[in-house]
Amino acid sequence: MSDTHATKKSEQRYNWHFINADNKVLGRLSADICVLLTGKNKVNYVPYLNMGDKVVVYNVKKIAVTGTKELHKMYYSHSGTVGNLRTKNLSQIREHNSKRIILEAVTGMLPKNRLRNDRLANLYLYEDEKHPHQGQEKGATNE
C-alpha cells in the first residue's frame, strides 16, 4: 500500500502565464487569474502552500465589462475620518488607475488567509502591451 504524498515547499515549481486583457470580461478573467494564482490547476495542489504561478496581465486599460457597470459599479475608499467616504465609478477608475479594477476583483476572489498577499505578489498588471517580463515569455503559456 502506498502512502499519500504531501507536497513540500522545496518541490514547488511555478510557470509564467501571459494574459491579454483586451476585450475580456472582468469577472471571468479575474476568476481564471485566481485559479492560476492559487495553483488549483496543478496536480500537486495543497491548500497550505503557495503553489500558484506567476501571472502577467497586459492591456488592462482595455478590459470589458457587461451591462451598465461602466457607470454604475462603484469603488469605495475611506480614510477613517468621519465624512471622508470617497466613491468613484468604474469609468473614473479606468482613467486614473486602471490596474485597480483587476486588482480589487482578484483580491476579492482569493481566499482570505495568510497566503493572500503572497499570491497577489505573483500578479503583475500592465496598462499596455509593454512589460519587463519578455525573457520569461519563451517557455510560458499565452492566453
Protein backbone atom coordinates (compact mmCIF):
# COMPACT_ATOMS: atom_id res chain seq x y z
CA MET A 1 0.00 0.00 0.00
CA SER A 2 1.40 3.42 -0.95
CA ASP A 3 1.33 6.44 1.29
CA THR A 4 -0.24 9.74 0.36
CA HIS A 5 2.35 12.16 -0.97
CA ALA A 6 2.48 15.53 0.81
CA THR A 7 3.95 18.32 -1.29
CA LYS A 8 6.85 20.15 0.33
CA LYS A 9 7.93 23.73 -0.17
CA SER A 10 11.13 22.54 -1.87
CA GLU A 11 9.10 20.71 -4.54
CA GLN A 12 7.30 23.83 -5.71
CA ARG A 13 7.67 24.83 -9.35
CA TYR A 14 5.96 27.77 -10.96
CA ASN A 15 5.27 28.76 -14.54
CA TRP A 16 4.66 32.11 -16.16
CA HIS A 17 1.28 32.89 -17.73
CA PHE A 18 0.76 35.90 -20.01
CA ILE A 19 -2.83 37.09 -20.43
CA ASN A 20 -4.02 39.75 -22.86
CA ALA A 21 -6.96 41.53 -21.18
CA ASP A 22 -8.10 43.24 -24.39
CA ASN A 23 -11.93 42.83 -24.64
CA LYS A 24 -12.03 40.16 -21.90
CA VAL A 25 -14.88 40.33 -19.39
CA LEU A 26 -13.69 41.43 -15.94
CA GLY A 27 -15.29 38.71 -13.79
CA ARG A 28 -14.41 35.76 -16.00
CA LEU A 29 -10.82 36.94 -16.40
CA SER A 30 -10.46 37.51 -12.65
CA ALA A 31 -11.74 34.01 -11.89
CA ASP A 32 -9.21 32.49 -14.32
CA ILE A 33 -6.41 34.54 -12.76
CA CYS A 34 -7.38 33.32 -9.27
CA VAL A 35 -7.14 29.68 -10.35
CA LEU A 36 -3.63 30.31 -11.69
CA LEU A 37 -2.53 32.28 -8.60
CA THR A 38 -3.78 29.67 -6.12
CA GLY A 39 -2.36 26.75 -8.11
CA LYS A 40 -5.62 24.80 -8.15
CA ASN A 41 -4.91 23.77 -11.73
CA LYS A 42 -1.90 21.72 -10.60
CA VAL A 43 -1.90 18.05 -9.69
CA ASN A 44 0.15 18.53 -6.52
CA TYR A 45 -2.03 21.37 -5.11
CA VAL A 46 -2.16 21.68 -1.33
CA PRO A 47 -4.10 24.48 0.38
CA TYR A 48 -1.41 25.34 2.94
CA LEU A 49 1.36 26.28 0.46
CA ASN A 50 1.57 28.98 -2.17
CA MET A 51 1.51 26.68 -5.21
CA GLY A 52 0.47 29.38 -7.67
CA ASP A 53 2.13 30.52 -10.87
CA LYS A 54 3.29 33.97 -11.95
CA VAL A 55 0.60 35.79 -13.93
CA VAL A 56 1.29 38.79 -16.17
CA VAL A 57 -1.80 40.65 -17.38
CA TYR A 58 -1.31 43.31 -20.04
CA ASN A 59 -3.71 45.67 -21.86
CA VAL A 60 -5.54 46.15 -18.56
CA LYS A 61 -6.88 49.50 -19.76
CA LYS A 62 -8.95 47.72 -22.46
CA ILE A 63 -10.81 45.29 -20.19
CA ALA A 64 -14.53 44.91 -20.87
CA VAL A 65 -17.49 44.95 -18.51
CA THR A 66 -21.06 43.95 -19.28
CA GLY A 67 -24.27 45.88 -18.81
CA THR A 68 -24.19 49.32 -17.22
CA LYS A 69 -21.28 48.59 -14.89
CA GLU A 70 -19.12 51.24 -16.56
CA LEU A 71 -21.23 53.94 -14.89
CA HIS A 72 -22.95 52.12 -12.01
CA LYS A 73 -20.20 49.94 -10.48
CA MET A 74 -18.80 51.93 -7.58
CA TYR A 75 -15.41 51.71 -5.84
CA TYR A 76 -15.14 52.97 -2.28
CA SER A 77 -12.22 54.25 -0.22
CA HIS A 78 -12.31 55.65 3.29
CA SER A 79 -9.61 57.44 5.25
CA GLY A 80 -11.16 56.57 8.61
CA THR A 81 -12.19 60.14 9.37
CA VAL A 82 -15.90 60.80 9.69
CA GLY A 83 -17.36 62.02 6.41
CA ASN A 84 -14.42 61.00 4.21
CA LEU A 85 -16.01 58.18 2.22
CA ARG A 86 -14.85 58.56 -1.39
CA THR A 87 -16.79 56.94 -4.22
CA LYS A 88 -15.76 56.62 -7.86
CA ASN A 89 -17.39 54.68 -10.64
CA LEU A 90 -15.55 52.27 -12.91
CA SER A 91 -15.02 54.76 -15.75
CA GLN A 92 -13.31 57.22 -13.35
CA ILE A 93 -11.07 54.46 -12.00
CA ARG A 94 -10.21 53.38 -15.57
CA GLU A 95 -8.98 56.91 -16.35
CA HIS A 96 -7.00 57.32 -13.14
CA ASN A 97 -5.58 53.85 -12.35
CA SER A 98 -6.91 51.01 -14.48
CA LYS A 99 -4.80 48.40 -12.64
CA ARG A 100 -7.02 48.84 -9.58
CA ILE A 101 -10.01 47.37 -11.44
CA ILE A 102 -8.45 43.92 -11.85
CA LEU A 103 -6.55 44.09 -8.56
CA GLU A 104 -9.70 44.62 -6.50
CA ALA A 105 -11.62 41.95 -8.42
CA VAL A 106 -8.86 39.35 -7.95
CA THR A 107 -8.30 40.34 -4.30
CA GLY A 108 -11.97 39.79 -3.55
CA MET A 109 -11.94 36.35 -5.19
CA LEU A 110 -8.83 35.00 -3.45
CA PRO A 111 -9.22 33.17 -0.12
CA LYS A 112 -8.97 35.47 2.89
CA ASN A 113 -5.99 33.86 4.62
CA ARG A 114 -2.27 34.34 5.25
CA LEU A 115 -1.31 33.31 1.71
CA ARG A 116 -3.38 36.03 0.06
CA ASN A 117 -0.62 38.68 -0.05
CA ASP A 118 1.95 36.15 -1.27
CA ARG A 119 -0.37 35.14 -4.09
CA LEU A 120 -1.09 38.74 -5.04
CA ALA A 121 2.67 39.37 -5.23
CA ASN A 122 2.73 36.91 -8.17
CA LEU A 123 0.28 39.08 -10.14
CA TYR A 124 1.80 41.65 -12.50
CA LEU A 125 -0.52 44.19 -14.13
CA TYR A 126 0.37 46.47 -17.05
CA GLU A 127 -1.84 49.00 -18.78
CA ASP A 128 -0.46 48.42 -22.27
CA GLU A 129 1.45 45.70 -24.13
CA LYS A 130 4.88 46.75 -22.87
CA HIS A 131 6.14 44.86 -19.84
CA PRO A 132 9.60 43.93 -18.45
CA HIS A 133 8.95 40.16 -18.46
CA GLN A 134 9.92 39.49 -22.08
CA GLY A 135 12.55 36.94 -21.01
CA GLN A 136 10.01 34.67 -19.33
CA GLU A 137 7.73 34.51 -22.39
CA LYS A 138 9.80 31.80 -24.10
CA GLY A 139 8.53 28.86 -22.03
CA ALA A 140 5.29 30.46 -20.87
CA THR A 141 1.67 29.99 -21.83
CA ASN A 142 -0.05 32.88 -23.56
CA GLU A 143 -3.78 33.15 -23.07
